[in-house]
C-alpha atoms as a PDB file:
ATOM      1  CA  MET A   1      -0.024   0.224   0.105  1.00  0.00           C
ATOM      2  CA  ARG A   2       1.369   3.558  -1.100  1.00  0.00           C
ATOM      3  CA  LEU A   3       0.798   6.635   0.032  1.00  0.00           C
ATOM      4  CA  TYR A   4       0.506   9.282  -3.090  1.00  0.00           C
ATOM      5  CA  LEU A   5       1.709  12.982  -2.230  1.00  0.00           C
ATOM      6  CA  ALA A   6      -0.279  15.330  -4.153  1.00  0.00           C
ATOM      7  CA  SER A   7       2.530  18.254  -3.757  1.00  0.00           C
ATOM      8  CA  THR A   8       6.065  18.897  -5.120  1.00  0.00           C
ATOM      9  CA  SER A   9       6.964  20.431  -1.691  1.00  0.00           C
ATOM     10  CA  PRO A  10      10.496  19.194  -0.639  1.00  0.00           C
ATOM     11  CA  ALA A  11       9.697  19.785   2.802  1.00  0.00           C
ATOM     12  CA  ARG A  12       6.606  17.405   3.024  1.00  0.00           C
ATOM     13  CA  LEU A  13       8.595  14.813   0.961  1.00  0.00           C
ATOM     14  CA  ALA A  14      11.471  14.996   3.625  1.00  0.00           C
ATOM     15  CA  THR A  15       8.959  14.751   6.469  1.00  0.00           C
ATOM     16  CA  LEU A  16       7.319  11.709   5.191  1.00  0.00           C
ATOM     17  CA  ARG A  17      10.748  10.164   4.255  1.00  0.00           C
ATOM     18  CA  GLY A  18      11.722  10.909   7.832  1.00  0.00           C
ATOM     19  CA  ALA A  19       8.747   9.084   9.182  1.00  0.00           C
ATOM     20  CA  GLY A  20       9.732   5.939   7.215  1.00  0.00           C
ATOM     21  CA  ILE A  21       7.291   6.850   4.195  1.00  0.00           C
ATOM     22  CA  GLU A  22       8.700   6.782   0.773  1.00  0.00           C
ATOM     23  CA  PRO A  23       5.600   8.383  -1.118  1.00  0.00           C
ATOM     24  CA  VAL A  24       4.793   8.672  -4.815  1.00  0.00           C
ATOM     25  CA  ALA A  25       4.784  12.526  -5.761  1.00  0.00           C
ATOM     26  CA  ILE A  26       2.383  13.771  -8.155  1.00  0.00           C
ATOM     27  CA  ALA A  27       2.178  17.659  -9.143  1.00  0.00           C
ATOM     28  CA  PRO A  28      -1.512  18.748  -8.732  1.00  0.00           C
ATOM     29  CA  GLY A  29      -1.171  22.034 -10.678  1.00  0.00           C
ATOM     30  CA  VAL A  30      -4.307  23.932  -8.868  1.00  0.00           C
ATOM     31  CA  ASP A  31      -4.667  27.632  -9.545  1.00  0.00           C
ATOM     32  CA  GLU A  32      -4.887  28.391  -5.707  1.00  0.00           C
ATOM     33  CA  GLU A  33      -5.781  32.134  -6.184  1.00  0.00           C
ATOM     34  CA  ALA A  34      -8.621  31.324  -8.331  1.00  0.00           C
ATOM     35  CA  ALA A  35     -10.053  28.644  -6.029  1.00  0.00           C
ATOM     36  CA  VAL A  36      -9.934  30.989  -3.109  1.00  0.00           C
ATOM     37  CA  ALA A  37     -11.578  33.749  -5.015  1.00  0.00           C
ATOM     38  CA  GLU A  38     -14.414  31.692  -6.126  1.00  0.00           C
ATOM     39  CA  ALA A  39     -14.786  30.222  -2.742  1.00  0.00           C
ATOM     40  CA  GLU A  40     -14.981  33.487  -1.079  1.00  0.00           C
ATOM     41  CA  GLU A  41     -17.410  34.812  -3.747  1.00  0.00           C
ATOM     42  CA  HIS A  42     -19.529  32.089  -2.852  1.00  0.00           C
ATOM     43  CA  ALA A  43     -19.364  32.436   0.805  1.00  0.00           C
ATOM     44  CA  GLY A  44     -19.753  36.127   0.632  1.00  0.00           C
ATOM     45  CA  ARG A  45     -16.748  36.648   2.898  1.00  0.00           C
ATOM     46  CA  PRO A  46     -13.061  36.195   3.213  1.00  0.00           C
ATOM     47  CA  LEU A  47     -12.004  32.453   4.400  1.00  0.00           C
ATOM     48  CA  ASP A  48     -10.474  32.307   7.675  1.00  0.00           C
ATOM     49  CA  PRO A  49      -7.092  30.606   7.774  1.00  0.00           C
ATOM     50  CA  ALA A  50      -8.345  27.088   8.765  1.00  0.00           C
ATOM     51  CA  GLU A  51     -11.160  27.280   6.050  1.00  0.00           C
ATOM     52  CA  LEU A  52      -8.286  28.419   3.418  1.00  0.00           C
ATOM     53  CA  VAL A  53      -5.730  25.595   3.949  1.00  0.00           C
ATOM     54  CA  GLN A  54      -8.379  23.119   4.139  1.00  0.00           C
ATOM     55  CA  LEU A  55     -10.086  24.102   0.816  1.00  0.00           C
ATOM     56  CA  LEU A  56      -6.576  23.907  -0.968  1.00  0.00           C
ATOM     57  CA  ALA A  57      -5.546  20.854   0.612  1.00  0.00           C
ATOM     58  CA  ARG A  58      -8.825  19.211  -0.363  1.00  0.00           C
ATOM     59  CA  LEU A  59      -8.306  20.470  -3.977  1.00  0.00           C
ATOM     60  CA  LYS A  60      -4.919  19.540  -4.460  1.00  0.00           C
ATOM     61  CA  CYS A  61      -5.469  16.162  -3.274  1.00  0.00           C
ATOM     62  CA  GLU A  62      -8.607  15.735  -5.827  1.00  0.00           C
ATOM     63  CA  ALA A  63      -6.797  17.245  -8.688  1.00  0.00           C
ATOM     64  CA  VAL A  64      -4.325  14.194  -8.884  1.00  0.00           C
ATOM     65  CA  LEU A  65      -7.302  11.752  -9.756  1.00  0.00           C
ATOM     66  CA  ASP A  66      -7.769  13.834 -13.019  1.00  0.00           C
ATOM     67  CA  PRO A  67      -6.746  11.641 -15.956  1.00  0.00           C
ATOM     68  CA  GLU A  68      -4.359  14.215 -17.498  1.00  0.00           C
ATOM     69  CA  VAL A  69      -2.693  14.731 -14.182  1.00  0.00           C
ATOM     70  CA  LEU A  70      -2.315  11.000 -13.654  1.00  0.00           C
ATOM     71  CA  ALA A  71      -1.172  10.494 -17.492  1.00  0.00           C
ATOM     72  CA  ALA A  72       1.761  13.304 -16.871  1.00  0.00           C
ATOM     73  CA  ALA A  73       2.986  11.158 -13.744  1.00  0.00           C
ATOM     74  CA  GLY A  74       2.826   7.990 -16.133  1.00  0.00           C
ATOM     75  CA  LEU A  75      -0.200   6.912 -14.008  1.00  0.00           C
ATOM     76  CA  ALA A  76      -3.824   5.759 -13.995  1.00  0.00           C
ATOM     77  CA  ALA A  77      -6.641   6.021 -11.341  1.00  0.00           C
ATOM     78  CA  ALA A  78      -6.777   2.121 -11.669  1.00  0.00           C
ATOM     79  CA  ASP A  79      -2.788   2.097 -10.761  1.00  0.00           C
ATOM     80  CA  LEU A  80      -3.580   4.016  -7.252  1.00  0.00           C
ATOM     81  CA  ASP A  81      -3.646   1.691  -4.491  1.00  0.00           C
ATOM     82  CA  GLY A  82      -3.639   3.400  -1.141  1.00  0.00           C
ATOM     83  CA  PHE A  83      -3.928   6.754   0.251  1.00  0.00           C
ATOM     84  CA  LEU A  84      -3.895  10.289  -1.477  1.00  0.00           C
ATOM     85  CA  PHE A  85      -2.730  13.367   0.673  1.00  0.00           C
ATOM     86  CA  GLY A  86      -3.043  16.841  -0.168  1.00  0.00           C
ATOM     87  CA  GLY A  87      -1.618  19.616   1.976  1.00  0.00           C
ATOM     88  CA  ASP A  88      -1.597  23.384   2.301  1.00  0.00           C
ATOM     89  CA  SER A  89      -0.374  25.845   4.595  1.00  0.00           C
ATOM     90  CA  ALA A  90      -0.758  29.665   5.376  1.00  0.00           C
ATOM     91  CA  PHE A  91       0.884  31.938   8.207  1.00  0.00           C
ATOM     92  CA  GLU A  92      -1.538  34.333  10.023  1.00  0.00           C
ATOM     93  CA  LEU A  93      -0.072  37.422  11.745  1.00  0.00           C
ATOM     94  CA  ASP A  94      -2.297  40.222  13.412  1.00  0.00           C
ATOM     95  CA  GLY A  95      -5.365  38.752  11.398  1.00  0.00           C
ATOM     96  CA  THR A  96      -3.784  38.789   8.138  1.00  0.00           C
ATOM     97  CA  ILE A  97      -2.925  35.744   6.206  1.00  0.00           C
ATOM     98  CA  TYR A  98       0.234  35.173   4.306  1.00  0.00           C
ATOM     99  CA  GLY A  99       1.243  32.541   1.702  1.00  0.00           C
ATOM    100  CA  LYS A 100       4.198  32.199  -0.210  1.00  0.00           C
ATOM    101  CA  PRO A 101       5.775  35.707  -0.890  1.00  0.00           C
ATOM    102  CA  HIS A 102       7.493  34.866  -4.330  1.00  0.00           C
ATOM    103  CA  GLU A 103       9.249  37.812  -4.768  1.00  0.00           C
ATOM    104  CA  PRO A 104      12.318  39.103  -2.501  1.00  0.00           C
ATOM    105  CA  HIS A 105      11.064  42.597  -1.696  1.00  0.00           C
ATOM    106  CA  ILE A 106       7.899  40.989  -0.347  1.00  0.00           C
ATOM    107  CA  ALA A 107       9.567  38.447   1.498  1.00  0.00           C
ATOM    108  CA  ARG A 108      11.988  41.304   3.038  1.00  0.00           C
ATOM    109  CA  GLU A 109       9.068  43.212   4.152  1.00  0.00           C
ATOM    110  CA  ARG A 110       7.326  40.374   5.882  1.00  0.00           C
ATOM    111  CA  TRP A 111      10.686  39.482   7.621  1.00  0.00           C
ATOM    112  CA  LEU A 112      11.514  43.116   8.980  1.00  0.00           C
ATOM    113  CA  HIS A 113       7.441  43.012  10.130  1.00  0.00           C
ATOM    114  CA  GLN A 114       7.820  39.762  11.707  1.00  0.00           C
ATOM    115  CA  ARG A 115      11.062  39.690  13.706  1.00  0.00           C
ATOM    116  CA  GLY A 116      10.499  39.621  17.412  1.00  0.00           C
ATOM    117  CA  ARG A 117       7.042  38.597  17.420  1.00  0.00           C
ATOM    118  CA  SER A 118       4.643  35.589  17.082  1.00  0.00           C
ATOM    119  CA  GLY A 119       2.261  34.162  14.260  1.00  0.00           C
ATOM    120  CA  VAL A 120       0.126  31.044  13.603  1.00  0.00           C
ATOM    121  CA  LEU A 121       1.213  28.565  11.036  1.00  0.00           C
ATOM    122  CA  HIS A 122      -1.867  26.792   9.558  1.00  0.00           C
ATOM    123  CA  SER A 123      -1.742  23.575   7.724  1.00  0.00           C
ATOM    124  CA  GLY A 124      -4.568  22.015   5.919  1.00  0.00           C
ATOM    125  CA  HIS A 125      -4.867  18.087   5.518  1.00  0.00           C
ATOM    126  CA  TRP A 126      -6.957  15.895   3.400  1.00  0.00           C
ATOM    127  CA  LEU A 127      -6.708  12.290   2.570  1.00  0.00           C
ATOM    128  CA  ILE A 128      -8.680  10.123   0.304  1.00  0.00           C
ATOM    129  CA  ASP A 129      -8.781   6.413   0.762  1.00  0.00           C
ATOM    130  CA  HIS A 130      -8.094   5.068  -2.673  1.00  0.00           C
ATOM    131  CA  ARG A 131      -7.151   1.346  -1.867  1.00  0.00           C
ATOM    132  CA  GLY A 132      -8.244  -1.116  -4.501  1.00  0.00           C
ATOM    133  CA  GLY A 133      -7.690   1.649  -7.308  1.00  0.00           C
ATOM    134  CA  ALA A 134     -11.024   3.656  -6.473  1.00  0.00           C
ATOM    135  CA  VAL A 135     -12.222   6.374  -4.061  1.00  0.00           C
ATOM    136  CA  ARG A 136     -13.539   4.818  -1.064  1.00  0.00           C
ATOM    137  CA  ALA A 137     -14.106   7.882   1.588  1.00  0.00           C
ATOM    138  CA  ALA A 138     -12.256  10.861   2.213  1.00  0.00           C
ATOM    139  CA  VAL A 139     -11.280  12.781   5.511  1.00  0.00           C
ATOM    140  CA  GLY A 140      -9.455  16.142   6.477  1.00  0.00           C
ATOM    141  CA  ARG A 141      -8.615  18.674   9.146  1.00  0.00           C
ATOM    142  CA  ALA A 142      -6.513  21.682   9.758  1.00  0.00           C
ATOM    143  CA  SER A 143      -3.601  21.896  12.465  1.00  0.00           C
ATOM    144  CA  SER A 144      -1.945  25.026  13.675  1.00  0.00           C
ATOM    145  CA  ALA A 145       1.148  26.048  15.549  1.00  0.00           C
ATOM    146  CA  VAL A 146       2.306  29.410  17.122  1.00  0.00           C
ATOM    147  CA  VAL A 147       6.034  30.382  15.748  1.00  0.00           C
ATOM    148  CA  HIS A 148       7.879  32.924  17.689  1.00  0.00           C
ATOM    149  CA  PHE A 149      10.622  34.435  15.984  1.00  0.00           C
ATOM    150  CA  ALA A 150      13.803  35.705  17.641  1.00  0.00           C
ATOM    151  CA  ASP A 151      13.953  39.506  18.465  1.00  0.00           C
ATOM    152  CA  ASP A 152      17.565  40.006  17.608  1.00  0.00           C
ATOM    153  CA  ILE A 153      17.568  39.010  14.039  1.00  0.00           C
ATOM    154  CA  GLU A 154      20.157  41.501  12.129  1.00  0.00           C
ATOM    155  CA  THR A 155      18.750  42.941   8.783  1.00  0.00           C
ATOM    156  CA  TYR A 156      21.953  41.697   7.258  1.00  0.00           C
ATOM    157  CA  GLU A 157      20.802  38.215   8.108  1.00  0.00           C
ATOM    158  CA  ILE A 158      17.348  38.967   6.615  1.00  0.00           C
ATOM    159  CA  ASP A 159      18.889  39.997   3.252  1.00  0.00           C
ATOM    160  CA  ALA A 160      21.251  36.947   3.377  1.00  0.00           C
ATOM    161  CA  TYR A 161      18.448  34.648   4.059  1.00  0.00           C
ATOM    162  CA  ILE A 162      16.432  36.318   1.177  1.00  0.00           C
ATOM    163  CA  ALA A 163      19.329  36.067  -1.288  1.00  0.00           C
ATOM    164  CA  THR A 164      19.323  32.037  -0.792  1.00  0.00           C
ATOM    165  CA  GLY A 165      15.917  32.006  -2.570  1.00  0.00           C
ATOM    166  CA  GLU A 166      14.712  29.816   0.324  1.00  0.00           C
ATOM    167  CA  PRO A 167      11.996  32.042   1.972  1.00  0.00           C
ATOM    168  CA  LEU A 168      10.329  32.879  -1.378  1.00  0.00           C
ATOM    169  CA  LYS A 169       8.417  29.717  -2.073  1.00  0.00           C
ATOM    170  CA  VAL A 170       7.029  28.852   1.504  1.00  0.00           C
ATOM    171  CA  ALA A 171       4.123  30.204   3.376  1.00  0.00           C
ATOM    172  CA  GLY A 172       5.121  33.273   5.793  1.00  0.00           C
ATOM    173  CA  ALA A 173       8.626  33.357   3.913  1.00  0.00           C
ATOM    174  CA  PHE A 174      10.207  31.007   6.432  1.00  0.00           C
ATOM    175  CA  THR A 175      11.362  27.172   7.343  1.00  0.00           C
ATOM    176  CA  ILE A 176      12.076  25.686  10.260  1.00  0.00           C
ATOM    177  CA  ASP A 177      13.724  22.434   8.415  1.00  0.00           C
ATOM    178  CA  ALA A 178      16.628  24.632   6.825  1.00  0.00           C
ATOM    179  CA  ARG A 179      18.244  27.847   6.985  1.00  0.00           C
ATOM    180  CA  GLY A 180      15.387  29.479   8.642  1.00  0.00           C
ATOM    181  CA  ALA A 181      15.392  27.536  11.740  1.00  0.00           C
ATOM    182  CA  GLY A 182      18.231  29.776  13.341  1.00  0.00           C
ATOM    183  CA  PHE A 183      15.652  32.730  13.198  1.00  0.00           C
ATOM    184  CA  ILE A 184      12.731  30.890  15.147  1.00  0.00           C
ATOM    185  CA  ASP A 185      13.156  30.805  19.011  1.00  0.00           C
ATOM    186  CA  ARG A 186      10.345  28.276  19.592  1.00  0.00           C
ATOM    187  CA  ILE A 187       7.263  26.541  18.295  1.00  0.00           C
ATOM    188  CA  GLU A 188       3.968  25.801  20.504  1.00  0.00           C
ATOM    189  CA  GLY A 189       2.408  22.908  18.869  1.00  0.00           C
ATOM    190  CA  ASP A 190       3.254  19.990  16.571  1.00  0.00           C
ATOM    191  CA  PRO A 191       6.685  21.497  14.638  1.00  0.00           C
ATOM    192  CA  HIS A 192       5.929  19.286  11.615  1.00  0.00           C
ATOM    193  CA  THR A 193       2.780  21.551  11.212  1.00  0.00           C
ATOM    194  CA  VAL A 194       5.089  24.207  10.643  1.00  0.00           C
ATOM    195  CA  VAL A 195       6.773  22.151   7.773  1.00  0.00           C
ATOM    196  CA  GLY A 196       3.414  21.589   6.120  1.00  0.00           C
ATOM    197  CA  LEU A 197       2.531  18.195   7.091  1.00  0.00           C
ATOM    198  CA  SER A 198       1.509  17.101  10.737  1.00  0.00           C
ATOM    199  CA  ILE A 199       2.809  13.531  10.924  1.00  0.00           C
ATOM    200  CA  PRO A 200       0.408  12.826  14.248  1.00  0.00           C
ATOM    201  CA  LEU A 201      -2.681  14.062  12.438  1.00  0.00           C
ATOM    202  CA  LEU A 202      -2.050  12.327   9.389  1.00  0.00           C
ATOM    203  CA  ARG A 203      -1.430   8.881  11.337  1.00  0.00           C
ATOM    204  CA  ARG A 204      -4.978   9.637  12.726  1.00  0.00           C
ATOM    205  CA  LEU A 205      -6.782  10.602   9.601  1.00  0.00           C
ATOM    206  CA  VAL A 206      -5.514   7.107   8.186  1.00  0.00           C
ATOM    207  CA  HIS A 207      -6.805   5.382  11.014  1.00  0.00           C
ATOM    208  CA  GLU A 208     -10.224   7.319  10.567  1.00  0.00           C
ATOM    209  CA  LEU A 209     -10.580   5.640   7.297  1.00  0.00           C
ATOM    210  CA  GLY A 210      -9.751   2.230   8.629  1.00  0.00           C
ATOM    211  CA  GLY A 211      -6.360   2.092   7.414  1.00  0.00           C
ATOM    212  CA  ARG A 212      -3.005   1.006   9.220  1.00  0.00           C
ATOM    213  CA  TRP A 213      -0.506   3.472   9.932  1.00  0.00           C
ATOM    214  CA  THR A 214       2.509   0.873   9.777  1.00  0.00           C
ATOM    215  CA  ASP A 215       1.114  -0.497   6.713  1.00  0.00           C
ATOM    216  CA  LEU A 216       2.364   2.756   4.771  1.00  0.00           C
ATOM    217  CA  TRP A 217       5.969   2.289   6.213  1.00  0.00           C
ATOM    218  CA  ASN A 218       9.219   1.310   3.699  1.00  0.00           C
ATOM    219  CA  ARG A 219       9.493  -2.470   4.046  1.00  0.00           C
END
């Protein structure tokens, strides 16, 4: 039985491997901005952080069942025997939700604003039971963790960090499993949540769908 990861995130892949799971990674190709805009228009209000990450986690997970997406990965739906996982993350500070900055100047503004402060990293999780080559059920839940940034981060350190390119493609413009770790004093909650995939929560979701967690371990 396999875990199929609806993500190209190196951090999620490394987290799963560290937990003894070698997933099959499939790029979902979801237009996140369009999906959120449509959901907010339908709801008539902005999505809260948990709703946002859960929406995108579910859409990413469901997207890998698209025949074209599977074909690009050299697969077909009948080939998928196991669980499909989709995840998404967003950082909340002062009631504002921050995704990936993409641009260096945006990342720099965020770091100048968040150093010495605390925010909440939200991660959405969606799991589809696809054992036997067909969808059987699905379940999902969001998790969150409080991130406390060091108050003695020098501006040159911020500039050097941004120059590496690492913070440009991650929610909140920071990591805890790479160069960004030195700028974070502590985490309240599951540290894996900040990486974008809570291993304890994933285990519980597998159990909710009637699966055996250890069956996903590498043999």
